[in-house]
Amino acid sequence: MMTPIITTRDTGCIPASQEWCAHFDGDEETGIYGRGASAEEAVADLLGMHPEYSARMLTARTAETEGV
């Protein structure tokens, strides 16, 4: 089972290119957040720090796309 990723937008963030952040659900206290100009960029940044999750998500998306 995949861990949900939560994205939030901080409109007061400076610089604005980092106004979105993403973290794994339940990991708010770890302080490990991906950041980006969009929710997608923030998720990509987070997954870049956790390649093991990135591979799992890619596998799950492929299975969903193929109807498995």
C-alpha atoms as a PDB file:
ATOM      1  CA  MET A   1       0.000   0.000   0.000  1.00  0.00           C
ATOM      2  CA  MET A   2       1.260   3.455  -0.892  1.00  0.00           C
ATOM      3  CA  THR A   3       1.577   6.222   1.678  1.00  0.00           C
ATOM      4  CA  PRO A   4      -0.560   9.227   0.724  1.00  0.00           C
ATOM      5  CA  ILE A   5       1.269  12.454  -0.067  1.00  0.00           C
ATOM      6  CA  ILE A   6      -0.218  15.670   1.286  1.00  0.00           C
ATOM      7  CA  THR A   7       0.356  18.948  -0.583  1.00  0.00           C
ATOM      8  CA  THR A   8      -0.292  22.418   0.793  1.00  0.00           C
ATOM      9  CA  ARG A   9       0.145  25.918  -0.544  1.00  0.00           C
ATOM     10  CA  ASP A  10       1.821  28.605   1.545  1.00  0.00           C
ATOM     11  CA  THR A  11       0.938  31.878  -0.144  1.00  0.00           C
ATOM     12  CA  GLY A  12       3.181  33.826   2.228  1.00  0.00           C
ATOM     13  CA  CYS A  13       6.279  31.888   1.178  1.00  0.00           C
ATOM     14  CA  ILE A  14       9.268  33.818  -0.117  1.00  0.00           C
ATOM     15  CA  PRO A  15      10.405  33.019  -2.770  1.00  0.00           C
ATOM     16  CA  ALA A  16       7.116  32.237  -4.518  1.00  0.00           C
ATOM     17  CA  SER A  17       8.915  29.513  -6.483  1.00  0.00           C
ATOM     18  CA  GLN A  18       8.783  27.451  -3.270  1.00  0.00           C
ATOM     19  CA  GLU A  19       5.195  28.163  -2.213  1.00  0.00           C
ATOM     20  CA  TRP A  20       3.967  24.539  -2.505  1.00  0.00           C
ATOM     21  CA  CYS A  21       5.124  21.838  -0.125  1.00  0.00           C
ATOM     22  CA  ALA A  22       4.528  18.091   0.036  1.00  0.00           C
ATOM     23  CA  HIS A  23       5.033  15.507   2.762  1.00  0.00           C
ATOM     24  CA  PHE A  24       4.039  11.923   3.431  1.00  0.00           C
ATOM     25  CA  ASP A  25       0.858  11.591   5.476  1.00  0.00           C
ATOM     26  CA  GLY A  26       1.854  11.007   9.090  1.00  0.00           C
ATOM     27  CA  ASP A  27       5.374  12.406   8.596  1.00  0.00           C
ATOM     28  CA  GLU A  28       4.577  16.040   9.395  1.00  0.00           C
ATOM     29  CA  GLU A  29       6.899  16.009  12.391  1.00  0.00           C
ATOM     30  CA  THR A  30       9.967  14.730  10.499  1.00  0.00           C
ATOM     31  CA  GLY A  31      10.465  18.062   8.773  1.00  0.00           C
ATOM     32  CA  ILE A  32      11.115  16.362   5.425  1.00  0.00           C
ATOM     33  CA  TYR A  33       9.158  18.346   2.867  1.00  0.00           C
ATOM     34  CA  GLY A  34       9.387  18.663  -0.885  1.00  0.00           C
ATOM     35  CA  ARG A  35       9.005  22.213  -2.202  1.00  0.00           C
ATOM     36  CA  GLY A  36       8.157  23.693  -5.580  1.00  0.00           C
ATOM     37  CA  ALA A  37       6.278  26.286  -7.587  1.00  0.00           C
ATOM     38  CA  SER A  38       3.397  23.817  -8.076  1.00  0.00           C
ATOM     39  CA  ALA A  39       1.995  20.832  -6.192  1.00  0.00           C
ATOM     40  CA  GLU A  40       3.522  18.528  -8.822  1.00  0.00           C
ATOM     41  CA  GLU A  41       6.985  20.074  -8.394  1.00  0.00           C
ATOM     42  CA  ALA A  42       6.731  19.715  -4.618  1.00  0.00           C
ATOM     43  CA  VAL A  43       5.797  16.021  -4.928  1.00  0.00           C
ATOM     44  CA  ALA A  44       8.644  15.441  -7.390  1.00  0.00           C
ATOM     45  CA  ASP A  45      11.061  17.146  -4.977  1.00  0.00           C
ATOM     46  CA  LEU A  46       9.823  14.972  -2.089  1.00  0.00           C
ATOM     47  CA  LEU A  47      10.107  11.782  -4.128  1.00  0.00           C
ATOM     48  CA  GLY A  48      13.602  12.814  -5.223  1.00  0.00           C
ATOM     49  CA  MET A  49      14.600  12.560  -1.565  1.00  0.00           C
ATOM     50  CA  HIS A  50      12.971   9.120  -1.302  1.00  0.00           C
ATOM     51  CA  PRO A  51      13.736   7.119  -4.472  1.00  0.00           C
ATOM     52  CA  GLU A  52      12.295   3.945  -2.937  1.00  0.00           C
ATOM     53  CA  TYR A  53       8.837   5.561  -2.821  1.00  0.00           C
ATOM     54  CA  SER A  54       9.226   6.941  -6.323  1.00  0.00           C
ATOM     55  CA  ALA A  55       9.805   3.449  -7.731  1.00  0.00           C
ATOM     56  CA  ARG A  56       6.803   2.068  -5.808  1.00  0.00           C
ATOM     57  CA  MET A  57       4.532   4.851  -7.037  1.00  0.00           C
ATOM     58  CA  LEU A  58       5.630   4.363 -10.626  1.00  0.00           C
ATOM     59  CA  THR A  59       4.844   0.636 -10.335  1.00  0.00           C
ATOM     60  CA  ALA A  60       1.411   1.382  -8.844  1.00  0.00           C
ATOM     61  CA  ARG A  61       0.578   3.959 -11.520  1.00  0.00           C
ATOM     62  CA  THR A  62       1.617   1.541 -14.243  1.00  0.00           C
ATOM     63  CA  ALA A  63      -0.628  -1.147 -12.755  1.00  0.00           C
ATOM     64  CA  GLU A  64      -3.554   1.314 -12.567  1.00  0.00           C
ATOM     65  CA  THR A  65      -3.023   2.399 -16.162  1.00  0.00           C
ATOM     66  CA  GLU A  66      -2.873  -1.183 -17.390  1.00  0.00           C
ATOM     67  CA  GLY A  67      -5.999  -2.078 -15.434  1.00  0.00           C
ATOM     68  CA  VAL A  68      -4.281  -4.595 -13.182  1.00  0.00           C
END
